[in-house]
Amino acid sequence: MSSPEPSATTAWRAAGGVAGRVAWFHCFAGIAGDMALASLLDAGADEAELRAALATLPLPDWAMEVTRVRRGGLAAVRAVVTATQSGPARRLPDVLEILHAGSLDARALDRSTAAFRLLAEVEGHIHGTPPDEVHFHELGGHDTIVDIVGTMTALELLGVEQVTASPVATGSGTVDSAHGTLPVPTPAVLGLLAGAPLYGHGAGVELTTPTGAAILAATGATFGPMPEMTVLSTGYGAGGRELEGLPNCTQVVLGTAPGPTGIPAPAGQPLLLVEANVDDATGEELADAVAALLAAGASDAWTTPVLMKKGRPGHVVSVLAELDRSAVLRSTLLRHTGSLGARAHLVDRYALERTVVEVDLDGTAVRVKVAAGRVKVEHDDAARLAEREGVPVREVVQRALDAYASGSTRAPDA
């Protein structure tokens, strides 16, 4: 297995802690969990460090063989996970217990958890079962856990902040599963990548698996051609078979994205801005869509009136999503607006540091957010108290501000 050139490795390590490091997955032959993991190993993720992290998981009797192979004339890495026992079909709580029992990097744990939660939500929707009761069958096996956790850990070892991908080849035909014969792309892949650009390559086999789709969804991947970057290394992760006329591998390109001045951008919180244009929804339906997005975990959601083609009035429905919630929120946006598509791009949010304290107003706790040069009363708390007392909200807000100014504050209740 090859590594990046020494100069590239040095540059990559020296960039530690700087936002703008990007991994672009080229899914010209689809993506699977083992292919994503192998591509990152080929691109320079330290295999010994990766194995050490995986060894902390309470998964008995498994092994991972990493070898170099050729696929369609391309040298690639193959990563194969085997287990001596299959064990019972795991549910989401069982998998999460395994993940949290290990000693994983915080973001690798968050991304891995998000991947399995998304798998459970999609499988639950398909089979009409609550997510916590979904039996993962093959998706809960040792190999799937190692592929997902290994990929998320490899991204951390390489310092990747942003994940992007090309349009995804899904394959064609059918595939056998624990639920019988399924069409390709499978329902799980379509659910996980709702709103992403997919195409059915006529290879006659499954190219993108639910595990590969979950990795893209859980990392908040955006989709399109390779973004502008200073390339530091590349890698190829091989699938299990040779395909006629198509190198069966996933390519990853690692690099540093420039900021507006051509230098790496300063650190901010990466969020995905997902938007849809709507011209056939009532005001009530738009309000319901915003409420549904917030309930699904959006960082923020709003609508903007616009004038669309042919002079039609419409609205842009926008949602800010943390990366591990992007797939769920994209699906929620499409479902509640009825839009036939959405667009997304990565943004950085620069939020002032703030603290939250409580003031006591006649025995009722009202939260107050405090940042540099700004004090803001939590509207929902003030509105509830105003309704109970039959007074205007602004009166309660002023009382809360006066209480804060007097120093009568306390830490919020746990």
Foldseek 3Di string as FASTA:
>chain_A
DDEFDPVLVVVLVVCAPFPFKEKEKEAPLFFALQQLLFFLVQHHQDPVVLVVQVVQFPDPAKDWDWDWDFAPNDIAIGIDMDGPDWDFQDALVVLLVRLVSTDADPQLSQLLNLLLQLLLVQVCVVVVHHSRPDRCRVCSTPVNSSSSSSSSRSCVSSNHLAYAYEAHAFEFAWDQDPVGIATIVGSLLCLLQPQGHYDHPHQNDGRYDSSGSSSCQQQLYAYHPDDDWDWSGKHWGADDDHTPPDGNTMMMTIGGHADPVGHGDGDFQKWKKKKFKAQPDDPVLLVVLQVQLVVLPFPHWDKDWDQDPPRGIIIMIITIGRRSSNSVSLVSNCVSRVGPHMHMDMDGDHDFDWAWKWAADPNATWIWIDGVPDIFTDQVSLVVVCVVVVHDSVVSRVVRVVRVVVVRIGHDDD
